[in-house]
Amino acid sequence: MPTAQHRDPRFLALVATGGALGTLARWGTAHVLPPAGSWPLATFAVNVAGSFLLGLLLEALLRRGAEDAGRAALRLGLGTGFCGGFTTYSSFAVEVDGLLRDGSAGGAAVYALGTVVAGLLAALAGVALAGARHRESRA
């Protein structure tokens, strides 16, 4: 009987490697995009970009057919690993809390709602782009 993906050392290594690379990319982004006033620009940017990338990746993989070992490796390494390490909803929560503690309830609400809405729209844009590219390649 084959090993379940979550117990397969090869897939675990892909997730760990992708996560390490995603975390490094997030760290680099934080150094390139300083906060805009009290707005945590880097966290907002990585969460929205990560949502787009995840939507693009998962839709592209889905449109290529049933999951096989290669697609599983891409999904786990890039999706779970890289995008999981790149995005940071824990920092997002800490930053919302910080805005609230600083007395900026309005800023916290705009940041929280803006991040969630922008992330959802970015994921949908990624799905749409992958779908369009798939249709173009089949034409």
N, C-alpha and C. Protein backbone atom coordinates (compact mmCIF):
# COMPACT_ATOMS: atom_id res chain seq x y z
N MET A 1 0.85 -1.19 0.00
CA MET A 1 0.00 0.00 0.00
C MET A 1 0.89 1.24 0.00
N PRO A 2 0.63 2.21 -0.89
CA PRO A 2 1.48 3.40 -0.95
C PRO A 2 1.33 4.26 0.31
N THR A 3 2.38 5.01 0.58
CA THR A 3 2.38 5.92 1.73
C THR A 3 1.49 7.11 1.45
N ALA A 4 0.69 7.52 2.43
CA ALA A 4 -0.16 8.71 2.27
C ALA A 4 0.74 9.91 2.04
N GLN A 5 0.26 10.87 1.24
CA GLN A 5 1.07 12.04 0.90
C GLN A 5 1.60 12.75 2.14
N HIS A 6 0.78 12.88 3.16
CA HIS A 6 1.22 13.63 4.34
C HIS A 6 2.26 12.87 5.16
N ARG A 7 2.54 11.63 4.79
CA ARG A 7 3.58 10.86 5.48
C ARG A 7 4.74 10.50 4.58
N ASP A 8 4.66 10.85 3.32
CA ASP A 8 5.70 10.52 2.36
C ASP A 8 6.87 11.49 2.54
N PRO A 9 8.06 11.01 2.87
CA PRO A 9 9.20 11.90 3.11
C PRO A 9 9.54 12.79 1.92
N ARG A 10 9.30 12.31 0.71
CA ARG A 10 9.59 13.14 -0.48
C ARG A 10 8.65 14.33 -0.54
N PHE A 11 7.38 14.12 -0.27
CA PHE A 11 6.43 15.23 -0.29
C PHE A 11 6.68 16.17 0.89
N LEU A 12 7.01 15.60 2.05
CA LEU A 12 7.34 16.45 3.21
C LEU A 12 8.54 17.33 2.90
N ALA A 13 9.53 16.78 2.22
CA ALA A 13 10.72 17.58 1.85
C ALA A 13 10.34 18.69 0.87
N LEU A 14 9.44 18.40 -0.05
CA LEU A 14 8.98 19.44 -0.97
C LEU A 14 8.26 20.57 -0.24
N VAL A 15 7.40 20.22 0.69
CA VAL A 15 6.68 21.23 1.47
C VAL A 15 7.67 22.06 2.29
N ALA A 16 8.62 21.39 2.93
CA ALA A 16 9.60 22.10 3.76
C ALA A 16 10.47 23.02 2.91
N THR A 17 10.93 22.54 1.77
CA THR A 17 11.77 23.36 0.89
C THR A 17 10.97 24.54 0.35
N GLY A 18 9.77 24.27 -0.13
CA GLY A 18 8.92 25.36 -0.63
C GLY A 18 8.62 26.37 0.46
N GLY A 19 8.34 25.89 1.67
CA GLY A 19 8.06 26.78 2.80
C GLY A 19 9.25 27.65 3.14
N ALA A 20 10.44 27.07 3.12
CA ALA A 20 11.65 27.85 3.41
C ALA A 20 11.86 28.93 2.35
N LEU A 21 11.67 28.58 1.08
CA LEU A 21 11.84 29.56 0.01
C LEU A 21 10.76 30.64 0.08
N GLY A 22 9.53 30.25 0.39
CA GLY A 22 8.45 31.23 0.53
C GLY A 22 8.70 32.19 1.68
N THR A 23 9.21 31.65 2.79
CA THR A 23 9.52 32.48 3.94
C THR A 23 10.64 33.47 3.62
N LEU A 24 11.65 33.01 2.89
CA LEU A 24 12.72 33.92 2.47
C LEU A 24 12.20 35.01 1.53
N ALA A 25 11.28 34.64 0.65
CA ALA A 25 10.69 35.63 -0.25
C ALA A 25 9.87 36.66 0.54
N ARG A 26 9.16 36.20 1.56
CA ARG A 26 8.40 37.13 2.42
C ARG A 26 9.34 38.06 3.16
N TRP A 27 10.42 37.51 3.69
CA TRP A 27 11.42 38.31 4.40
C TRP A 27 11.99 39.38 3.47
N GLY A 28 12.31 38.99 2.24
CA GLY A 28 12.83 39.95 1.26
C GLY A 28 11.82 41.03 0.94
N THR A 29 10.58 40.64 0.80
CA THR A 29 9.52 41.61 0.52
C THR A 29 9.39 42.61 1.65
N ALA A 30 9.50 42.15 2.88
CA ALA A 30 9.39 43.04 4.04
C ALA A 30 10.52 44.07 4.06
N HIS A 31 11.66 43.72 3.48
CA HIS A 31 12.77 44.66 3.44
C HIS A 31 12.68 45.63 2.26
N VAL A 32 11.94 45.25 1.24
CA VAL A 32 11.77 46.11 0.07
C VAL A 32 10.57 47.05 0.25
N LEU A 33 9.54 46.58 0.92
CA LEU A 33 8.31 47.37 1.11
C LEU A 33 8.13 47.75 2.58
N PRO A 34 8.66 48.88 2.98
CA PRO A 34 8.47 49.30 4.37
C PRO A 34 7.02 49.68 4.62
N PRO A 35 6.59 49.74 5.88
CA PRO A 35 5.21 50.13 6.18
C PRO A 35 4.90 51.52 5.60
N ALA A 36 3.69 51.68 5.13
CA ALA A 36 3.21 52.98 4.63
C ALA A 36 2.42 53.62 5.76
N GLY A 37 3.08 54.39 6.60
CA GLY A 37 2.44 54.92 7.80
C GLY A 37 2.18 53.78 8.75
N SER A 38 0.94 53.62 9.15
CA SER A 38 0.59 52.50 10.03
C SER A 38 0.13 51.27 9.23
N TRP A 39 0.07 51.41 7.91
CA TRP A 39 -0.38 50.32 7.04
C TRP A 39 0.77 49.34 6.79
N PRO A 40 0.64 48.08 7.21
CA PRO A 40 1.69 47.07 7.01
C PRO A 40 1.71 46.59 5.55
N LEU A 41 2.33 47.38 4.69
CA LEU A 41 2.30 47.16 3.25
C LEU A 41 2.86 45.80 2.83
N ALA A 42 3.97 45.39 3.43
CA ALA A 42 4.60 44.13 3.02
C ALA A 42 3.67 42.94 3.30
N THR A 43 3.07 42.91 4.46
CA THR A 43 2.17 41.80 4.80
C THR A 43 0.97 41.79 3.86
N PHE A 44 0.41 42.96 3.61
CA PHE A 44 -0.71 43.07 2.68
C PHE A 44 -0.29 42.55 1.30
N ALA A 45 0.88 42.98 0.83
CA ALA A 45 1.35 42.60 -0.51
C ALA A 45 1.57 41.09 -0.62
N VAL A 46 2.23 40.48 0.37
CA VAL A 46 2.50 39.04 0.25
C VAL A 46 1.21 38.23 0.37
N ASN A 47 0.28 38.67 1.19
CA ASN A 47 -0.97 37.92 1.31
C ASN A 47 -1.79 37.99 0.04
N VAL A 48 -1.84 39.16 -0.59
CA VAL A 48 -2.59 39.30 -1.84
C VAL A 48 -1.87 38.56 -2.97
N ALA A 49 -0.56 38.73 -3.06
CA ALA A 49 0.20 38.04 -4.11
C ALA A 49 0.13 36.53 -3.94
N GLY A 50 0.24 36.07 -2.70
CA GLY A 50 0.15 34.64 -2.43
C GLY A 50 -1.22 34.07 -2.79
N SER A 51 -2.26 34.83 -2.54
CA SER A 51 -3.61 34.40 -2.91
C SER A 51 -3.73 34.27 -4.42
N PHE A 52 -3.18 35.24 -5.15
CA PHE A 52 -3.18 35.17 -6.61
C PHE A 52 -2.42 33.94 -7.10
N LEU A 53 -1.22 33.76 -6.58
CA LEU A 53 -0.39 32.62 -7.01
C LEU A 53 -1.07 31.29 -6.71
N LEU A 54 -1.69 31.18 -5.55
CA LEU A 54 -2.35 29.93 -5.19
C LEU A 54 -3.55 29.66 -6.10
N GLY A 55 -4.34 30.69 -6.38
CA GLY A 55 -5.46 30.53 -7.30
C GLY A 55 -5.00 30.11 -8.68
N LEU A 56 -3.94 30.76 -9.17
CA LEU A 56 -3.37 30.44 -10.48
C LEU A 56 -2.85 29.00 -10.52
N LEU A 57 -2.08 28.64 -9.52
CA LEU A 57 -1.49 27.29 -9.47
C LEU A 57 -2.56 26.21 -9.41
N LEU A 58 -3.48 26.33 -8.47
CA LEU A 58 -4.45 25.26 -8.28
C LEU A 58 -5.38 25.11 -9.48
N GLU A 59 -5.77 26.23 -10.08
CA GLU A 59 -6.62 26.14 -11.27
C GLU A 59 -5.85 25.54 -12.44
N ALA A 60 -4.60 25.95 -12.61
CA ALA A 60 -3.79 25.39 -13.70
C ALA A 60 -3.61 23.89 -13.53
N LEU A 61 -3.35 23.46 -12.31
CA LEU A 61 -3.19 22.02 -12.07
C LEU A 61 -4.50 21.27 -12.31
N LEU A 62 -5.60 21.84 -11.85
CA LEU A 62 -6.90 21.20 -12.03
C LEU A 62 -7.24 21.04 -13.51
N ARG A 63 -6.94 22.05 -14.29
CA ARG A 63 -7.27 22.00 -15.72
C ARG A 63 -6.38 21.06 -16.51
N ARG A 64 -5.28 20.64 -15.94
CA ARG A 64 -4.39 19.71 -16.64
C ARG A 64 -4.80 18.26 -16.44
N GLY A 65 -5.79 18.01 -15.60
CA GLY A 65 -6.27 16.65 -15.44
C GLY A 65 -6.17 16.15 -14.02
N ALA A 66 -6.43 14.87 -13.87
CA ALA A 66 -6.42 14.23 -12.55
C ALA A 66 -5.03 14.34 -11.93
N GLU A 67 -5.02 14.42 -10.61
CA GLU A 67 -3.74 14.55 -9.91
C GLU A 67 -2.92 13.28 -10.05
N ASP A 68 -1.67 13.48 -10.43
CA ASP A 68 -0.70 12.39 -10.45
C ASP A 68 0.45 12.82 -9.54
N ALA A 69 1.51 12.04 -9.51
CA ALA A 69 2.63 12.35 -8.61
C ALA A 69 3.26 13.70 -8.93
N GLY A 70 3.39 14.02 -10.21
CA GLY A 70 3.97 15.30 -10.61
C GLY A 70 3.12 16.49 -10.19
N ARG A 71 1.81 16.39 -10.41
CA ARG A 71 0.91 17.47 -10.01
C ARG A 71 0.85 17.59 -8.48
N ALA A 72 0.89 16.46 -7.80
CA ALA A 72 0.90 16.49 -6.34
C ALA A 72 2.16 17.18 -5.84
N ALA A 73 3.29 16.90 -6.47
CA ALA A 73 4.54 17.54 -6.07
C ALA A 73 4.47 19.05 -6.28
N LEU A 74 3.91 19.50 -7.39
CA LEU A 74 3.76 20.94 -7.63
C LEU A 74 2.80 21.56 -6.63
N ARG A 75 1.67 20.90 -6.41
CA ARG A 75 0.68 21.43 -5.48
C ARG A 75 1.25 21.55 -4.07
N LEU A 76 1.96 20.53 -3.63
CA LEU A 76 2.51 20.54 -2.28
C LEU A 76 3.73 21.45 -2.17
N GLY A 77 4.63 21.38 -3.12
CA GLY A 77 5.84 22.20 -3.04
C GLY A 77 5.58 23.68 -3.23
N LEU A 78 4.80 24.01 -4.26
CA LEU A 78 4.52 25.42 -4.55
C LEU A 78 3.32 25.96 -3.78
N GLY A 79 2.25 25.18 -3.71
CA GLY A 79 1.04 25.64 -3.04
C GLY A 79 1.16 25.63 -1.53
N THR A 80 1.25 24.43 -0.98
CA THR A 80 1.33 24.30 0.47
C THR A 80 2.64 24.88 0.99
N GLY A 81 3.75 24.55 0.33
CA GLY A 81 5.06 24.98 0.80
C GLY A 81 5.32 26.46 0.55
N PHE A 82 5.56 26.81 -0.72
CA PHE A 82 5.96 28.19 -1.03
C PHE A 82 4.89 29.20 -0.64
N CYS A 83 3.66 29.00 -1.13
CA CYS A 83 2.60 29.98 -0.82
C CYS A 83 2.29 29.99 0.68
N GLY A 84 2.36 28.84 1.32
CA GLY A 84 2.13 28.79 2.76
C GLY A 84 3.20 29.53 3.54
N GLY A 85 4.46 29.45 3.08
CA GLY A 85 5.53 30.18 3.74
C GLY A 85 5.55 31.66 3.37
N PHE A 86 5.12 31.95 2.16
CA PHE A 86 5.13 33.33 1.66
C PHE A 86 4.05 34.17 2.32
N THR A 87 2.84 33.63 2.40
CA THR A 87 1.75 34.37 3.03
C THR A 87 1.88 34.29 4.54
N THR A 88 1.28 35.25 5.21
CA THR A 88 1.43 35.30 6.66
C THR A 88 0.20 35.87 7.32
N TYR A 89 -0.78 35.02 7.46
CA TYR A 89 -1.99 35.50 8.12
C TYR A 89 -1.81 35.61 9.64
N SER A 90 -0.77 35.01 10.18
CA SER A 90 -0.50 35.21 11.60
C SER A 90 0.02 36.64 11.83
N SER A 91 0.91 37.11 10.96
CA SER A 91 1.37 38.51 11.06
C SER A 91 0.21 39.47 10.81
N PHE A 92 -0.63 39.11 9.86
CA PHE A 92 -1.82 39.91 9.57
C PHE A 92 -2.66 40.09 10.85
N ALA A 93 -2.89 39.01 11.57
CA ALA A 93 -3.69 39.08 12.80
C ALA A 93 -3.00 39.93 13.86
N VAL A 94 -1.68 39.78 13.99
CA VAL A 94 -0.92 40.57 14.95
C VAL A 94 -0.98 42.06 14.58
N GLU A 95 -0.90 42.36 13.30
CA GLU A 95 -0.93 43.75 12.86
C GLU A 95 -2.31 44.37 13.05
N VAL A 96 -3.37 43.60 12.83
CA VAL A 96 -4.72 44.11 13.11
C VAL A 96 -4.84 44.41 14.60
N ASP A 97 -4.35 43.49 15.42
CA ASP A 97 -4.37 43.70 16.87
C ASP A 97 -3.58 44.95 17.25
N GLY A 98 -2.42 45.14 16.63
CA GLY A 98 -1.60 46.32 16.91
C GLY A 98 -2.32 47.61 16.55
N LEU A 99 -3.00 47.61 15.42
CA LEU A 99 -3.77 48.80 15.03
C LEU A 99 -4.88 49.07 16.04
N LEU A 100 -5.52 48.02 16.48
CA LEU A 100 -6.57 48.19 17.50
C LEU A 100 -5.99 48.73 18.81
N ARG A 101 -4.86 48.18 19.23
CA ARG A 101 -4.23 48.63 20.48
C ARG A 101 -3.74 50.07 20.39
N ASP A 102 -3.39 50.50 19.17
CA ASP A 102 -2.95 51.88 18.97
C ASP A 102 -4.11 52.84 18.84
N GLY A 103 -5.33 52.32 18.99
CA GLY A 103 -6.52 53.17 18.93
C GLY A 103 -7.02 53.45 17.53
N SER A 104 -6.57 52.66 16.58
CA SER A 104 -6.99 52.87 15.20
C SER A 104 -7.96 51.78 14.77
N ALA A 105 -9.15 51.80 15.37
CA ALA A 105 -10.16 50.78 15.04
C ALA A 105 -10.56 50.88 13.58
N GLY A 106 -10.67 52.09 13.07
CA GLY A 106 -11.02 52.26 11.66
C GLY A 106 -9.95 51.72 10.75
N GLY A 107 -8.69 52.01 11.08
CA GLY A 107 -7.57 51.50 10.28
C GLY A 107 -7.50 49.99 10.34
N ALA A 108 -7.75 49.42 11.52
CA ALA A 108 -7.75 47.96 11.66
C ALA A 108 -8.85 47.34 10.82
N ALA A 109 -10.02 47.95 10.83
CA ALA A 109 -11.14 47.42 10.06
C ALA A 109 -10.86 47.50 8.56
N VAL A 110 -10.33 48.63 8.11
CA VAL A 110 -10.01 48.79 6.69
C VAL A 110 -8.93 47.80 6.27
N TYR A 111 -7.89 47.66 7.11
CA TYR A 111 -6.81 46.73 6.80
C TYR A 111 -7.32 45.29 6.77
N ALA A 112 -8.10 44.90 7.77
CA ALA A 112 -8.61 43.53 7.84
C ALA A 112 -9.53 43.23 6.66
N LEU A 113 -10.51 44.08 6.45
CA LEU A 113 -11.46 43.85 5.37
C LEU A 113 -10.77 43.97 4.01
N GLY A 114 -9.89 44.96 3.89
CA GLY A 114 -9.17 45.15 2.63
C GLY A 114 -8.31 43.96 2.28
N THR A 115 -7.64 43.39 3.26
CA THR A 115 -6.80 42.22 3.01
C THR A 115 -7.62 41.02 2.57
N VAL A 116 -8.72 40.79 3.26
CA VAL A 116 -9.56 39.63 2.92
C VAL A 116 -10.19 39.80 1.54
N VAL A 117 -10.73 40.98 1.25
CA VAL A 117 -11.38 41.22 -0.04
C VAL A 117 -10.34 41.19 -1.16
N ALA A 118 -9.21 41.87 -0.97
CA ALA A 118 -8.17 41.87 -2.00
C ALA A 118 -7.62 40.46 -2.22
N GLY A 119 -7.46 39.69 -1.16
CA GLY A 119 -6.99 38.32 -1.30
C GLY A 119 -7.97 37.45 -2.08
N LEU A 120 -9.24 37.61 -1.79
CA LEU A 120 -10.26 36.85 -2.52
C LEU A 120 -10.28 37.24 -4.00
N LEU A 121 -10.23 38.54 -4.27
CA LEU A 121 -10.23 39.00 -5.66
C LEU A 121 -8.96 38.55 -6.39
N ALA A 122 -7.83 38.56 -5.68
CA ALA A 122 -6.58 38.10 -6.29
C ALA A 122 -6.64 36.62 -6.61
N ALA A 123 -7.20 35.82 -5.71
CA ALA A 123 -7.34 34.38 -5.97
C ALA A 123 -8.25 34.15 -7.17
N LEU A 124 -9.35 34.88 -7.24
CA LEU A 124 -10.25 34.77 -8.40
C LEU A 124 -9.55 35.19 -9.69
N ALA A 125 -8.73 36.23 -9.61
CA ALA A 125 -7.98 36.66 -10.79
C ALA A 125 -7.00 35.57 -11.23
N GLY A 126 -6.35 34.93 -10.28
CA GLY A 126 -5.45 33.82 -10.61
C GLY A 126 -6.18 32.67 -11.27
N VAL A 127 -7.35 32.34 -10.74
CA VAL A 127 -8.18 31.28 -11.33
C VAL A 127 -8.58 31.66 -12.75
N ALA A 128 -9.01 32.91 -12.93
CA ALA A 128 -9.43 33.38 -14.26
C ALA A 128 -8.28 33.35 -15.25
N LEU A 129 -7.11 33.79 -14.83
CA LEU A 129 -5.95 33.79 -15.72
C LEU A 129 -5.56 32.37 -16.11
N ALA A 130 -5.54 31.46 -15.16
CA ALA A 130 -5.21 30.06 -15.48
C ALA A 130 -6.24 29.48 -16.44
N GLY A 131 -7.51 29.80 -16.22
CA GLY A 131 -8.56 29.32 -17.12
C GLY A 131 -8.40 29.88 -18.52
N ALA A 132 -8.09 31.16 -18.62
CA ALA A 132 -7.91 31.79 -19.93
C ALA A 132 -6.70 31.20 -20.66
N ARG A 133 -5.62 31.00 -19.93
CA ARG A 133 -4.43 30.41 -20.55
C ARG A 133 -4.69 28.99 -21.01
N HIS A 134 -5.49 28.26 -20.25
CA HIS A 134 -5.82 26.89 -20.64
C HIS A 134 -6.66 26.89 -21.92
N ARG A 135 -7.63 27.79 -21.97
CA ARG A 135 -8.47 27.87 -23.18
C ARG A 135 -7.64 28.28 -24.40
N GLU A 136 -6.71 29.20 -24.21
CA GLU A 136 -5.84 29.63 -25.33
C GLU A 136 -4.97 28.48 -25.81
N SER A 137 -4.46 27.70 -24.89
CA SER A 137 -3.57 26.60 -25.29
C SER A 137 -4.33 25.49 -26.00
N ARG A 138 -5.62 25.39 -25.75
CA ARG A 138 -6.42 24.34 -26.39
C ARG A 138 -6.95 24.78 -27.74
N ALA A 139 -6.93 26.10 -27.99
CA ALA A 139 -7.48 26.63 -29.25
C ALA A 139 -6.51 26.46 -30.40
